[in-house]
């Protein structure tokens, strides 16, 4: 993975501001807005770890789950040709497009 940090199962984005001469990011996949920054990579990583730990503590104190809940569906835009090929592949396997795409994505992230 590039341009992300990973700590205790949390993902943080990584960006750089040339104007401010600072690295910055935010925790991804959570319900709250939690940001962090540092002037060096080491400072950025330390700030990320600190904010993850603080987020976990805050969630524990408020008795809420720290991860964002996902509803299990999302829209994907495809070219008509790719849509046709997926539909044909699913039909040939005797599956719905949803089941077929879910299996293909599951296999892809398992590798």
Protein backbone atom coordinates (compact mmCIF):
# COMPACT_ATOMS: atom_id res chain seq x y z
CA UNK A 1 0.00 0.00 0.00
CA UNK A 2 1.23 3.45 -0.70
CA UNK A 3 0.38 6.80 0.82
CA UNK A 4 -1.24 5.21 3.88
CA UNK A 5 -0.22 4.38 7.43
CA UNK A 6 -1.51 1.33 9.30
CA UNK A 7 -1.63 0.98 13.08
CA UNK A 8 -3.85 -1.21 15.27
CA UNK A 9 -6.07 -1.90 12.28
CA UNK A 10 -6.62 1.78 11.50
CA UNK A 11 -5.63 3.38 8.22
CA UNK A 12 -4.34 6.93 7.91
CA UNK A 13 -3.98 8.90 4.70
CA UNK A 14 -0.67 10.62 3.98
CA UNK A 15 -0.28 13.94 2.17
CA UNK A 16 2.31 16.69 1.92
CA UNK A 17 1.74 20.44 1.81
CA UNK A 18 4.60 22.16 0.00
CA UNK A 19 3.22 25.55 1.07
CA UNK A 20 3.23 24.66 4.77
CA UNK A 21 6.20 22.25 4.65
CA UNK A 22 4.26 19.64 6.61
CA UNK A 23 3.03 16.09 6.20
CA UNK A 24 -0.60 15.57 7.20
CA UNK A 25 -3.34 13.00 7.10
CA UNK A 26 -6.55 11.74 8.62
CA UNK A 27 -7.89 8.47 9.95
CA UNK A 28 -9.89 6.77 7.22
CA UNK A 29 -12.95 4.57 7.66
CA UNK A 30 -14.18 6.07 10.93
CA UNK A 31 -17.22 8.17 11.77
CA UNK A 32 -15.23 11.03 13.32
CA UNK A 33 -12.80 13.47 11.76
CA UNK A 34 -9.38 12.74 13.26
CA UNK A 35 -6.36 14.44 11.69
CA UNK A 36 -2.63 14.39 12.37
CA UNK A 37 0.48 16.11 11.05
CA UNK A 38 4.25 16.31 11.36
CA UNK A 39 7.19 18.13 9.84
CA UNK A 40 9.09 14.86 9.33
CA UNK A 41 7.99 11.35 8.45
CA UNK A 42 8.86 10.23 11.97
CA UNK A 43 6.75 13.03 13.48
CA UNK A 44 3.88 12.13 11.15
CA UNK A 45 3.99 8.46 12.17
CA UNK A 46 4.19 9.35 15.87
CA UNK A 47 1.25 11.76 15.51
CA UNK A 48 -0.76 9.09 13.67
CA UNK A 49 -0.11 6.52 16.42
CA UNK A 50 -1.00 9.07 19.10
CA UNK A 51 -4.28 10.02 17.39
CA UNK A 52 -5.26 6.37 16.89
CA UNK A 53 -4.66 5.69 20.57
CA UNK A 54 -6.64 8.83 21.52
CA UNK A 55 -9.49 7.87 19.19
CA UNK A 56 -9.68 4.41 20.76
CA UNK A 57 -9.72 5.93 24.26
CA UNK A 58 -12.41 8.43 23.31
CA UNK A 59 -14.59 5.67 21.83
CA UNK A 60 -14.12 3.51 24.92
CA UNK A 61 -15.07 6.44 27.18
CA UNK A 62 -18.21 7.09 25.10
CA UNK A 63 -18.96 3.36 24.82
CA UNK A 64 -19.11 3.43 21.01
CA UNK A 65 -17.43 1.31 18.36
CA UNK A 66 -14.32 3.03 16.92
CA UNK A 67 -14.79 1.73 13.39
CA UNK A 68 -17.15 3.17 10.84
CA UNK A 69 -19.95 0.80 9.96
CA UNK A 70 -20.38 -0.08 6.32
CA UNK A 71 -23.79 -0.95 4.92
CA UNK A 72 -22.49 -3.60 2.52
CA UNK A 73 -23.36 -1.98 -0.78
CA UNK A 74 -21.69 0.52 -3.09
CA UNK A 75 -22.12 1.72 -6.65
CA UNK A 76 -19.44 1.19 -9.25
CA UNK A 77 -19.37 2.91 -12.62
CA UNK A 78 -18.30 0.66 -15.49
CA UNK A 79 -18.04 0.94 -19.20
CA UNK A 80 -20.98 -0.68 -20.99
CA UNK A 81 -18.58 -3.26 -22.46
CA UNK A 82 -17.22 -4.28 -19.05
CA UNK A 83 -20.75 -4.43 -17.65
CA UNK A 84 -21.73 -6.77 -20.52
CA UNK A 85 -18.70 -9.02 -19.98
CA UNK A 86 -19.40 -9.26 -16.24
CA UNK A 87 -23.06 -10.06 -16.87
CA UNK A 88 -22.11 -12.81 -19.33
CA UNK A 89 -19.51 -14.28 -16.96
CA UNK A 90 -21.99 -14.30 -14.09
CA UNK A 91 -24.69 -15.89 -16.24
CA UNK A 92 -22.30 -18.60 -17.41
CA UNK A 93 -21.62 -19.47 -13.76
CA UNK A 94 -25.31 -19.42 -12.93
CA UNK A 95 -24.85 -16.50 -10.52
CA UNK A 96 -26.25 -13.03 -10.14
CA UNK A 97 -23.97 -10.14 -11.03
CA UNK A 98 -23.85 -9.18 -7.32
CA UNK A 99 -22.73 -12.65 -6.25
CA UNK A 100 -20.21 -12.89 -9.09
CA UNK A 101 -18.65 -9.46 -8.38
CA UNK A 102 -18.59 -10.13 -4.64
CA UNK A 103 -16.68 -13.39 -5.18
CA UNK A 104 -14.23 -11.79 -7.63
CA UNK A 105 -13.54 -8.90 -5.24
CA UNK A 106 -13.16 -11.28 -2.30
CA UNK A 107 -10.64 -13.37 -4.21
CA UNK A 108 -8.77 -10.23 -5.26
CA UNK A 109 -8.24 -8.90 -1.75
CA UNK A 110 -7.31 -12.36 -0.43
CA UNK A 111 -4.26 -12.49 -2.71
